[in-house]
């Protein structure tokens, strides 16, 4: 598979992961305008070899940083089913909800 397709899959997977975190926080009563999610480095600007970090913050509650491998992002482009990805999503949601720094 060529690098452009893999990069596109990683970007799509990152979007699905961020959406899942946002949905998890909304289900727990958080307000959408209080949720801040950012990938660092920007997935549109990095090479496919770099593993990005998701920075998640909840206003007045704290922030969390979570690394995802490129492979985890790529396999998440279709469905969020890999156990390690689901565990990381859950960890981010629970940590933000609990107000952990």
PDB file of N, CA and C in Angstrom:
ATOM      1  N   UNK A   1       0.862  -1.175   0.000  1.00  0.00           N
ATOM      2  CA  UNK A   1       0.000   0.000   0.000  1.00  0.00           C
ATOM      3  C   UNK A   1       0.905   1.233   0.000  1.00  0.00           C
ATOM      4  N   UNK A   2       0.556   2.227  -0.788  1.00  0.00           N
ATOM      5  CA  UNK A   2       1.464   3.359  -0.863  1.00  0.00           C
ATOM      6  C   UNK A   2       1.302   4.295   0.335  1.00  0.00           C
ATOM      7  N   UNK A   3       2.290   5.155   0.509  1.00  0.00           N
ATOM      8  CA  UNK A   3       2.358   6.021   1.693  1.00  0.00           C
ATOM      9  C   UNK A   3       1.201   7.015   1.766  1.00  0.00           C
ATOM     10  N   UNK A   4       0.727   7.481   0.611  1.00  0.00           N
ATOM     11  CA  UNK A   4      -0.374   8.440   0.610  1.00  0.00           C
ATOM     12  C   UNK A   4      -1.651   7.811   1.151  1.00  0.00           C
ATOM     13  N   UNK A   5      -1.932   6.586   0.763  1.00  0.00           N
ATOM     14  CA  UNK A   5      -3.124   5.886   1.254  1.00  0.00           C
ATOM     15  C   UNK A   5      -3.001   5.628   2.744  1.00  0.00           C
ATOM     16  N   UNK A   6      -1.835   5.173   3.203  1.00  0.00           N
ATOM     17  CA  UNK A   6      -1.629   4.915   4.628  1.00  0.00           C
ATOM     18  C   UNK A   6      -1.777   6.200   5.441  1.00  0.00           C
ATOM     19  N   UNK A   7      -1.241   7.306   4.917  1.00  0.00           N
ATOM     20  CA  UNK A   7      -1.348   8.584   5.617  1.00  0.00           C
ATOM     21  C   UNK A   7      -2.820   9.011   5.704  1.00  0.00           C
ATOM     22  N   UNK A   8      -3.563   8.811   4.621  1.00  0.00           N
ATOM     23  CA  UNK A   8      -4.984   9.140   4.608  1.00  0.00           C
ATOM     24  C   UNK A   8      -5.746   8.277   5.614  1.00  0.00           C
ATOM     25  N   UNK A   9      -5.415   6.998   5.702  1.00  0.00           N
ATOM     26  CA  UNK A   9      -6.051   6.105   6.665  1.00  0.00           C
ATOM     27  C   UNK A   9      -5.746   6.551   8.091  1.00  0.00           C
ATOM     28  N   UNK A  10      -4.506   6.954   8.343  1.00  0.00           N
ATOM     29  CA  UNK A  10      -4.123   7.415   9.682  1.00  0.00           C
ATOM     30  C   UNK A  10      -4.900   8.674  10.051  1.00  0.00           C
ATOM     31  N   UNK A  11      -5.059   9.584   9.110  1.00  0.00           N
ATOM     32  CA  UNK A  11      -5.797  10.819   9.361  1.00  0.00           C
ATOM     33  C   UNK A  11      -7.265  10.517   9.645  1.00  0.00           C
ATOM     34  N   UNK A  12      -7.860   9.612   8.881  1.00  0.00           N
ATOM     35  CA  UNK A  12      -9.254   9.219   9.113  1.00  0.00           C
ATOM     36  C   UNK A  12      -9.407   8.531  10.468  1.00  0.00           C
ATOM     37  N   UNK A  13      -8.464   7.661  10.799  1.00  0.00           N
ATOM     38  CA  UNK A  13      -8.499   6.978  12.091  1.00  0.00           C
ATOM     39  C   UNK A  13      -8.388   7.950  13.244  1.00  0.00           C
ATOM     40  N   UNK A  14      -7.535   8.950  13.105  1.00  0.00           N
ATOM     41  CA  UNK A  14      -7.377   9.961  14.146  1.00  0.00           C
ATOM     42  C   UNK A  14      -8.683  10.721  14.350  1.00  0.00           C
ATOM     43  N   UNK A  15      -9.369  11.012  13.269  1.00  0.00           N
ATOM     44  CA  UNK A  15     -10.661  11.683  13.367  1.00  0.00           C
ATOM     45  C   UNK A  15     -11.686  10.835  14.100  1.00  0.00           C
ATOM     46  N   UNK A  16     -11.705   9.539  13.810  1.00  0.00           N
ATOM     47  CA  UNK A  16     -12.649   8.639  14.490  1.00  0.00           C
ATOM     48  C   UNK A  16     -12.330   8.530  15.979  1.00  0.00           C
ATOM     49  N   UNK A  17     -11.052   8.489  16.313  1.00  0.00           N
ATOM     50  CA  UNK A  17     -10.649   8.415  17.721  1.00  0.00           C
ATOM     51  C   UNK A  17     -11.078   9.685  18.456  1.00  0.00           C
ATOM     52  N   UNK A  18     -10.803  10.843  17.867  1.00  0.00           N
ATOM     53  CA  UNK A  18     -11.193  12.110  18.489  1.00  0.00           C
ATOM     54  C   UNK A  18     -12.710  12.190  18.654  1.00  0.00           C
ATOM     55  N   UNK A  19     -13.451  11.750  17.636  1.00  0.00           N
ATOM     56  CA  UNK A  19     -14.916  11.745  17.727  1.00  0.00           C
ATOM     57  C   UNK A  19     -15.399  10.839  18.855  1.00  0.00           C
ATOM     58  N   UNK A  20     -14.769   9.683  19.016  1.00  0.00           N
ATOM     59  CA  UNK A  20     -15.165   8.742  20.068  1.00  0.00           C
ATOM     60  C   UNK A  20     -14.913   9.341  21.457  1.00  0.00           C
ATOM     61  N   UNK A  21     -13.806  10.046  21.606  1.00  0.00           N
ATOM     62  CA  UNK A  21     -13.510  10.697  22.889  1.00  0.00           C
ATOM     63  C   UNK A  21     -14.537  11.790  23.162  1.00  0.00           C
ATOM     64  N   UNK A  22     -14.823  12.605  22.165  1.00  0.00           N
ATOM     65  CA  UNK A  22     -15.818  13.678  22.310  1.00  0.00           C
ATOM     66  C   UNK A  22     -17.181  13.076  22.671  1.00  0.00           C
ATOM     67  N   UNK A  23     -17.598  12.020  21.974  1.00  0.00           N
ATOM     68  CA  UNK A  23     -18.886  11.381  22.254  1.00  0.00           C
ATOM     69  C   UNK A  23     -18.924  10.812  23.670  1.00  0.00           C
ATOM     70  N   UNK A  24     -17.821  10.208  24.108  1.00  0.00           N
ATOM     71  CA  UNK A  24     -17.758   9.665  25.458  1.00  0.00           C
ATOM     72  C   UNK A  24     -17.919  10.740  26.514  1.00  0.00           C
ATOM     73  N   UNK A  25     -17.302  11.885  26.293  1.00  0.00           N
ATOM     74  CA  UNK A  25     -17.417  12.997  27.243  1.00  0.00           C
ATOM     75  C   UNK A  25     -18.818  13.604  27.217  1.00  0.00           C
ATOM     76  N   UNK A  26     -19.404  13.712  26.040  1.00  0.00           N
ATOM     77  CA  UNK A  26     -20.762  14.245  25.939  1.00  0.00           C
ATOM     78  C   UNK A  26     -21.769  13.333  26.634  1.00  0.00           C
ATOM     79  N   UNK A  27     -21.593  12.017  26.480  1.00  0.00           N
ATOM     80  CA  UNK A  27     -22.481  11.060  27.161  1.00  0.00           C
ATOM     81  C   UNK A  27     -22.383  11.186  28.677  1.00  0.00           C
ATOM     82  N   UNK A  28     -21.239  11.649  29.155  1.00  0.00           N
ATOM     83  CA  UNK A  28     -21.040  11.816  30.599  1.00  0.00           C
ATOM     84  C   UNK A  28     -21.432  13.204  31.085  1.00  0.00           C
ATOM     85  N   UNK A  29     -22.071  13.974  30.221  1.00  0.00           N
ATOM     86  CA  UNK A  29     -22.606  15.259  30.640  1.00  0.00           C
ATOM     87  C   UNK A  29     -21.718  16.466  30.396  1.00  0.00           C
ATOM     88  N   UNK A  30     -20.600  16.300  29.744  1.00  0.00           N
ATOM     89  CA  UNK A  30     -19.735  17.447  29.444  1.00  0.00           C
ATOM     90  C   UNK A  30     -20.342  18.256  28.301  1.00  0.00           C
ATOM     91  N   UNK A  31     -20.054  19.541  28.301  1.00  0.00           N
ATOM     92  CA  UNK A  31     -20.543  20.407  27.236  1.00  0.00           C
ATOM     93  C   UNK A  31     -19.552  20.399  26.084  1.00  0.00           C
ATOM     94  N   UNK A  32     -20.070  20.357  24.866  1.00  0.00           N
ATOM     95  CA  UNK A  32     -19.231  20.288  23.673  1.00  0.00           C
ATOM     96  C   UNK A  32     -18.229  21.438  23.616  1.00  0.00           C
ATOM     97  N   UNK A  33     -18.660  22.638  24.003  1.00  0.00           N
ATOM     98  CA  UNK A  33     -17.765  23.801  23.927  1.00  0.00           C
ATOM     99  C   UNK A  33     -16.637  23.756  24.958  1.00  0.00           C
ATOM    100  N   UNK A  34     -16.706  22.846  25.905  1.00  0.00           N
ATOM    101  CA  UNK A  34     -15.654  22.702  26.919  1.00  0.00           C
ATOM    102  C   UNK A  34     -14.607  21.649  26.550  1.00  0.00           C
ATOM    103  N   UNK A  35     -14.815  20.949  25.435  1.00  0.00           N
ATOM    104  CA  UNK A  35     -13.933  19.857  25.034  1.00  0.00           C
ATOM    105  C   UNK A  35     -12.965  20.356  23.967  1.00  0.00           C
ATOM    106  N   UNK A  36     -11.675  20.162  24.202  1.00  0.00           N
ATOM    107  CA  UNK A  36     -10.642  20.583  23.260  1.00  0.00           C
ATOM    108  C   UNK A  36      -9.777  19.371  22.908  1.00  0.00           C
ATOM    109  N   UNK A  37      -9.697  19.044  21.624  1.00  0.00           N
ATOM    110  CA  UNK A  37      -8.903  17.912  21.149  1.00  0.00           C
ATOM    111  C   UNK A  37      -7.975  18.391  20.053  1.00  0.00           C
ATOM    112  N   UNK A  38      -6.695  17.999  20.145  1.00  0.00           N
ATOM    113  CA  UNK A  38      -5.705  18.461  19.180  1.00  0.00           C
ATOM    114  C   UNK A  38      -4.649  17.385  18.999  1.00  0.00           C
ATOM    115  N   UNK A  39      -4.293  17.116  17.753  1.00  0.00           N
ATOM    116  CA  UNK A  39      -3.214  16.162  17.469  1.00  0.00           C
ATOM    117  C   UNK A  39      -1.910  16.928  17.302  1.00  0.00           C
ATOM    118  N   UNK A  40      -0.871  16.437  17.913  1.00  0.00           N
ATOM    119  CA  UNK A  40       0.434  17.081  17.824  1.00  0.00           C
ATOM    120  C   UNK A  40       1.495  16.026  17.521  1.00  0.00           C
ATOM    121  N   UNK A  41       2.239  16.145  16.480  1.00  0.00           N
ATOM    122  CA  UNK A  41       2.162  17.193  15.469  1.00  0.00           C
ATOM    123  C   UNK A  41       0.910  17.017  14.605  1.00  0.00           C
ATOM    124  N   UNK A  42       0.568  18.067  13.880  1.00  0.00           N
ATOM    125  CA  UNK A  42      -0.589  18.051  12.995  1.00  0.00           C
ATOM    126  C   UNK A  42      -0.441  16.908  11.998  1.00  0.00           C
ATOM    127  N   UNK A  43      -1.433  16.048  11.928  1.00  0.00           N
ATOM    128  CA  UNK A  43      -1.354  14.868  11.067  1.00  0.00           C
ATOM    129  C   UNK A  43      -1.263  15.206   9.590  1.00  0.00           C
ATOM    130  N   UNK A  44      -1.701  16.386   9.215  1.00  0.00           N
ATOM    131  CA  UNK A  44      -1.616  16.780   7.810  1.00  0.00           C
ATOM    132  C   UNK A  44      -0.201  17.220   7.437  1.00  0.00           C
ATOM    133  N   UNK A  45       0.656  17.449   8.443  1.00  0.00           N
ATOM    134  CA  UNK A  45       1.986  17.989   8.166  1.00  0.00           C
ATOM    135  C   UNK A  45       3.131  17.043   8.476  1.00  0.00           C
ATOM    136  N   UNK A  46       2.861  15.875   9.090  1.00  0.00           N
ATOM    137  CA  UNK A  46       3.942  14.995   9.520  1.00  0.00           C
ATOM    138  C   UNK A  46       4.119  13.837   8.559  1.00  0.00           C
ATOM    139  N   UNK A  47       5.307  13.254   8.625  1.00  0.00           N
ATOM    140  CA  UNK A  47       5.558  12.070   7.801  1.00  0.00           C
ATOM    141  C   UNK A  47       4.816  10.881   8.391  1.00  0.00           C
ATOM    142  N   UNK A  48       4.625   9.888   7.598  1.00  0.00           N
ATOM    143  CA  UNK A  48       3.857   8.719   8.037  1.00  0.00           C
ATOM    144  C   UNK A  48       4.582   7.905   9.103  1.00  0.00           C
ATOM    145  N   UNK A  49       5.859   8.167   9.319  1.00  0.00           N
ATOM    146  CA  UNK A  49       6.612   7.395  10.310  1.00  0.00           C
ATOM    147  C   UNK A  49       6.420   7.919  11.733  1.00  0.00           C
ATOM    148  N   UNK A  50       5.942   9.142  11.872  1.00  0.00           N
ATOM    149  CA  UNK A  50       5.801   9.733  13.197  1.00  0.00           C
ATOM    150  C   UNK A  50       4.524   9.270  13.885  1.00  0.00           C
ATOM    151  N   UNK A  51       4.631   9.049  15.195  1.00  0.00           N
ATOM    152  CA  UNK A  51       3.472   8.680  16.005  1.00  0.00           C
ATOM    153  C   UNK A  51       2.960   9.935  16.696  1.00  0.00           C
ATOM    154  N   UNK A  52       1.739  10.328  16.424  1.00  0.00           N
ATOM    155  CA  UNK A  52       1.224  11.559  17.010  1.00  0.00           C
ATOM    156  C   UNK A  52       0.704  11.369  18.428  1.00  0.00           C
ATOM    157  N   UNK A  53       0.546  12.480  19.078  1.00  0.00           N
ATOM    158  CA  UNK A  53       0.033  12.518  20.439  1.00  0.00           C
ATOM    159  C   UNK A  53      -1.277  13.306  20.418  1.00  0.00           C
ATOM    160  N   UNK A  54      -2.299  12.760  21.048  1.00  0.00           N
ATOM    161  CA  UNK A  54      -3.553  13.470  21.176  1.00  0.00           C
ATOM    162  C   UNK A  54      -3.512  14.274  22.464  1.00  0.00           C
ATOM    163  N   UNK A  55      -3.774  15.560  22.344  1.00  0.00           N
ATOM    164  CA  UNK A  55      -3.890  16.421  23.518  1.00  0.00           C
ATOM    165  C   UNK A  55      -5.377  16.683  23.712  1.00  0.00           C
ATOM    166  N   UNK A  56      -5.885  16.259  24.845  1.00  0.00           N
ATOM    167  CA  UNK A  56      -7.303  16.428  25.149  1.00  0.00           C
ATOM    168  C   UNK A  56      -7.431  17.252  26.415  1.00  0.00           C
ATOM    169  N   UNK A  57      -8.360  18.182  26.392  1.00  0.00           N
ATOM    170  CA  UNK A  57      -8.577  19.027  27.568  1.00  0.00           C
ATOM    171  C   UNK A  57     -10.067  19.241  27.755  1.00  0.00           C
ATOM    172  N   UNK A  58     -10.423  19.376  28.995  1.00  0.00           N
ATOM    173  CA  UNK A  58     -11.795  19.697  29.378  1.00  0.00           C
ATOM    174  C   UNK A  58     -11.708  20.974  30.199  1.00  0.00           C
ATOM    175  N   UNK A  59     -12.402  22.012  29.762  1.00  0.00           N
ATOM    176  CA  UNK A  59     -12.324  23.307  30.442  1.00  0.00           C
ATOM    177  C   UNK A  59     -12.526  23.152  31.940  1.00  0.00           C
ATOM    178  N   UNK A  60     -11.675  23.787  32.702  1.00  0.00           N
ATOM    179  CA  UNK A  60     -11.748  23.793  34.172  1.00  0.00           C
ATOM    180  C   UNK A  60     -11.612  22.413  34.799  1.00  0.00           C
ATOM    181  N   UNK A  61     -11.083  21.440  34.051  1.00  0.00           N
ATOM    182  CA  UNK A  61     -11.003  20.091  34.605  1.00  0.00           C
ATOM    183  C   UNK A  61      -9.628  19.455  34.439  1.00  0.00           C
ATOM    184  N   UNK A  62      -8.837  19.919  33.530  1.00  0.00           N
ATOM    185  CA  UNK A  62      -7.515  19.337  33.331  1.00  0.00           C
ATOM    186  C   UNK A  62      -7.277  18.954  31.885  1.00  0.00           C
ATOM    187  N   UNK A  63      -6.164  18.296  31.672  1.00  0.00           N
ATOM    188  CA  UNK A  63      -5.814  17.870  30.318  1.00  0.00           C
ATOM    189  C   UNK A  63      -5.101  16.525  30.370  1.00  0.00           C
ATOM    190  N   UNK A  64      -5.097  15.848  29.246  1.00  0.00           N
ATOM    191  CA  UNK A  64      -4.483  14.521  29.116  1.00  0.00           C
ATOM    192  C   UNK A  64      -3.750  14.481  27.789  1.00  0.00           C
ATOM    193  N   UNK A  65      -2.620  13.792  27.780  1.00  0.00           N
ATOM    194  CA  UNK A  65      -1.895  13.535  26.535  1.00  0.00           C
ATOM    195  C   UNK A  65      -1.821  12.025  26.360  1.00  0.00           C
ATOM    196  N   UNK A  66      -2.146  11.551  25.165  1.00  0.00           N
ATOM    197  CA  UNK A  66      -2.128  10.122  24.902  1.00  0.00           C
ATOM    198  C   UNK A  66      -1.504   9.861  23.534  1.00  0.00           C
ATOM    199  N   UNK A  67      -0.502   9.007  23.499  1.00  0.00           N
ATOM    200  CA  UNK A  67       0.146   8.630  22.239  1.00  0.00           C
ATOM    201  C   UNK A  67      -0.649   7.510  21.576  1.00  0.00           C
ATOM    202  N   UNK A  68      -0.728   7.564  20.263  1.00  0.00           N
ATOM    203  CA  UNK A  68      -1.300   6.499  19.452  1.00  0.00           C
ATOM    204  C   UNK A  68      -0.280   6.174  18.367  1.00  0.00           C
ATOM    205  N   UNK A  69      -0.049   4.903  18.129  1.00  0.00           N
ATOM    206  CA  UNK A  69       0.890   4.525  17.074  1.00  0.00           C
ATOM    207  C   UNK A  69       0.249   4.769  15.712  1.00  0.00           C
ATOM    208  N   UNK A  70       1.070   4.894  14.705  1.00  0.00           N
ATOM    209  CA  UNK A  70       0.547   5.066  13.343  1.00  0.00           C
ATOM    210  C   UNK A  70      -0.320   3.869  12.972  1.00  0.00           C
ATOM    211  N   UNK A  71       0.101   2.692  13.384  1.00  0.00           N
ATOM    212  CA  UNK A  71      -0.676   1.485  13.077  1.00  0.00           C
ATOM    213  C   UNK A  71      -2.060   1.551  13.729  1.00  0.00           C
ATOM    214  N   UNK A  72      -2.122   2.015  14.977  1.00  0.00           N
ATOM    215  CA  UNK A  72      -3.413   2.141  15.657  1.00  0.00           C
ATOM    216  C   UNK A  72      -4.322   3.126  14.916  1.00  0.00           C
ATOM    217  N   UNK A  73      -3.751   4.202  14.411  1.00  0.00           N
ATOM    218  CA  UNK A  73      -4.540   5.171  13.655  1.00  0.00           C
ATOM    219  C   UNK A  73      -5.028   4.569  12.343  1.00  0.00           C
ATOM    220  N   UNK A  74      -4.141   3.868  11.656  1.00  0.00           N
ATOM    221  CA  UNK A  74      -4.497   3.292  10.363  1.00  0.00           C
ATOM    222  C   UNK A  74      -5.605   2.257  10.482  1.00  0.00           C
ATOM    223  N   UNK A  75      -5.533   1.383  11.489  1.00  0.00           N
ATOM    224  CA  UNK A  75      -6.568   0.352  11.626  1.00  0.00           C
ATOM    225  C   UNK A  75      -7.880   0.931  12.144  1.00  0.00           C
ATOM    226  N   UNK A  76      -7.850   2.148  12.650  1.00  0.00           N
ATOM    227  CA  UNK A  76      -9.062   2.788  13.168  1.00  0.00           C
ATOM    228  C   UNK A  76      -9.820   3.550  12.092  1.00  0.00           C
ATOM    229  N   UNK A  77      -9.319   3.569  10.870  1.00  0.00           N
ATOM    230  CA  UNK A  77      -9.988   4.342   9.817  1.00  0.00           C
ATOM    231  C   UNK A  77     -11.343   3.738   9.468  1.00  0.00           C
ATOM    232  N   UNK A  78     -11.503   2.443   9.604  1.00  0.00           N
ATOM    233  CA  UNK A  78     -12.774   1.784   9.306  1.00  0.00           C
ATOM    234  C   UNK A  78     -13.655   1.708  10.547  1.00  0.00           C
ATOM    235  N   UNK A  79     -13.144   1.040  11.584  1.00  0.00           N
ATOM    236  CA  UNK A  79     -13.894   0.844  12.818  1.00  0.00           C
ATOM    237  C   UNK A  79     -12.956   0.924  14.005  1.00  0.00           C
ATOM    238  N   UNK A  80     -13.508   1.335  15.121  1.00  0.00           N
ATOM    239  CA  UNK A  80     -12.739   1.361  16.366  1.00  0.00           C
ATOM    240  C   UNK A  80     -12.968   0.029  17.072  1.00  0.00           C
ATOM    241  N   UNK A  81     -12.098  -0.924  16.800  1.00  0.00           N
ATOM    242  CA  UNK A  81     -12.281  -2.234  17.408  1.00  0.00           C
ATOM    243  C   UNK A  81     -11.016  -2.798  18.046  1.00  0.00           C
ATOM    244  N   UNK A  82      -9.873  -2.211  17.764  1.00  0.00           N
ATOM    245  CA  UNK A  82      -8.644  -2.723  18.363  1.00  0.00           C
ATOM    246  C   UNK A  82      -8.656  -2.434  19.860  1.00  0.00           C
ATOM    247  N   UNK A  83      -8.346  -3.446  20.638  1.00  0.00           N
ATOM    248  CA  UNK A  83      -8.421  -3.346  22.096  1.00  0.00           C
ATOM    249  C   UNK A  83      -7.560  -2.224  22.657  1.00  0.00           C
ATOM    250  N   UNK A  84      -6.344  -2.058  22.138  1.00  0.00           N
ATOM    251  CA  UNK A  84      -5.459  -1.015  22.661  1.00  0.00           C
ATOM    252  C   UNK A  84      -6.023   0.379  22.391  1.00  0.00           C
ATOM    253  N   UNK A  85      -6.659   0.569  21.246  1.00  0.00           N
ATOM    254  CA  UNK A  85      -7.250   1.861  20.903  1.00  0.00           C
ATOM    255  C   UNK A  85      -8.435   2.150  21.813  1.00  0.00           C
ATOM    256  N   UNK A  86      -9.301   1.174  21.998  1.00  0.00           N
ATOM    257  CA  UNK A  86     -10.471   1.354  22.862  1.00  0.00           C
ATOM    258  C   UNK A  86     -10.052   1.638  24.298  1.00  0.00           C
ATOM    259  N   UNK A  87      -9.006   0.966  24.753  1.00  0.00           N
ATOM    260  CA  UNK A  87      -8.517   1.200  26.122  1.00  0.00           C
ATOM    261  C   UNK A  87      -7.980   2.617  26.277  1.00  0.00           C
ATOM    262  N   UNK A  88      -7.267   3.107  25.278  1.00  0.00           N
ATOM    263  CA  UNK A  88      -6.724   4.467  25.341  1.00  0.00           C
ATOM    264  C   UNK A  88      -7.841   5.510  25.293  1.00  0.00           C
ATOM    265  N   UNK A  89      -8.845   5.276  24.461  1.00  0.00           N
ATOM    266  CA  UNK A  89      -9.989   6.186  24.394  1.00  0.00           C
ATOM    267  C   UNK A  89     -10.662   6.253  25.758  1.00  0.00           C
ATOM    268  N   UNK A  90     -10.908   5.101  26.339  1.00  0.00           N
ATOM    269  CA  UNK A  90     -11.539   5.022  27.655  1.00  0.00           C
ATOM    270  C   UNK A  90     -10.706   5.734  28.719  1.00  0.00           C
ATOM    271  N   UNK A  91      -9.404   5.542  28.665  1.00  0.00           N
ATOM    272  CA  UNK A  91      -8.503   6.178  29.630  1.00  0.00           C
ATOM    273  C   UNK A  91      -8.576   7.698  29.536  1.00  0.00           C
ATOM    274  N   UNK A  92      -8.571   8.220  28.330  1.00  0.00           N
ATOM    275  CA  UNK A  92      -8.657   9.672  28.136  1.00  0.00           C
ATOM    276  C   UNK A  92      -9.976  10.201  28.679  1.00  0.00           C
ATOM    277  N   UNK A  93     -11.080   9.552  28.322  1.00  0.00           N
ATOM    278  CA  UNK A  93     -12.408  10.001  28.773  1.00  0.00           C
ATOM    279  C   UNK A  93     -12.492   9.957  30.296  1.00  0.00           C
ATOM    280  N   UNK A  94     -12.093   8.851  30.890  1.00  0.00           N
ATOM    281  CA  UNK A  94     -12.188   8.715  32.338  1.00  0.00           C
ATOM    282  C   UNK A  94     -11.268   9.686  33.076  1.00  0.00           C
ATOM    283  N   UNK A  95     -10.072   9.894  32.546  1.00  0.00           N
ATOM    284  CA  UNK A  95      -9.130  10.819  33.185  1.00  0.00           C
ATOM    285  C   UNK A  95      -9.653  12.249  33.146  1.00  0.00           C
ATOM    286  N   UNK A  96     -10.189  12.662  32.000  1.00  0.00           N
ATOM    287  CA  UNK A  96     -10.735  14.014  31.899  1.00  0.00           C
ATOM    288  C   UNK A  96     -11.965  14.173  32.796  1.00  0.00           C
ATOM    289  N   UNK A  97     -12.808  13.176  32.809  1.00  0.00           N
ATOM    290  CA  UNK A  97     -14.017  13.236  33.620  1.00  0.00           C
ATOM    291  C   UNK A  97     -13.664  13.329  35.110  1.00  0.00           C
ATOM    292  N   UNK A  98     -12.600  12.637  35.503  1.00  0.00           N
ATOM    293  CA  UNK A  98     -12.181  12.648  36.905  1.00  0.00           C
ATOM    294  C   UNK A  98     -11.402  13.909  37.276  1.00  0.00           C
ATOM    295  N   UNK A  99     -11.016  14.694  36.272  1.00  0.00           N
ATOM    296  CA  UNK A  99     -10.281  15.926  36.526  1.00  0.00           C
ATOM    297  C   UNK A  99      -8.807  15.697  36.795  1.00  0.00           C
ATOM    298  N   UNK A 100      -8.264  14.594  36.302  1.00  0.00           N
ATOM    299  CA  UNK A 100      -6.844  14.307  36.516  1.00  0.00           C
ATOM    300  C   UNK A 100      -6.007  15.195  35.614  1.00  0.00           C
ATOM    301  N   UNK A 101      -4.863  15.645  36.110  1.00  0.00           N
ATOM    302  CA  UNK A 101      -4.002  16.507  35.292  1.00  0.00           C
ATOM    303  C   UNK A 101      -3.286  15.728  34.206  1.00  0.00           C
TER     304      UNK A 101
END
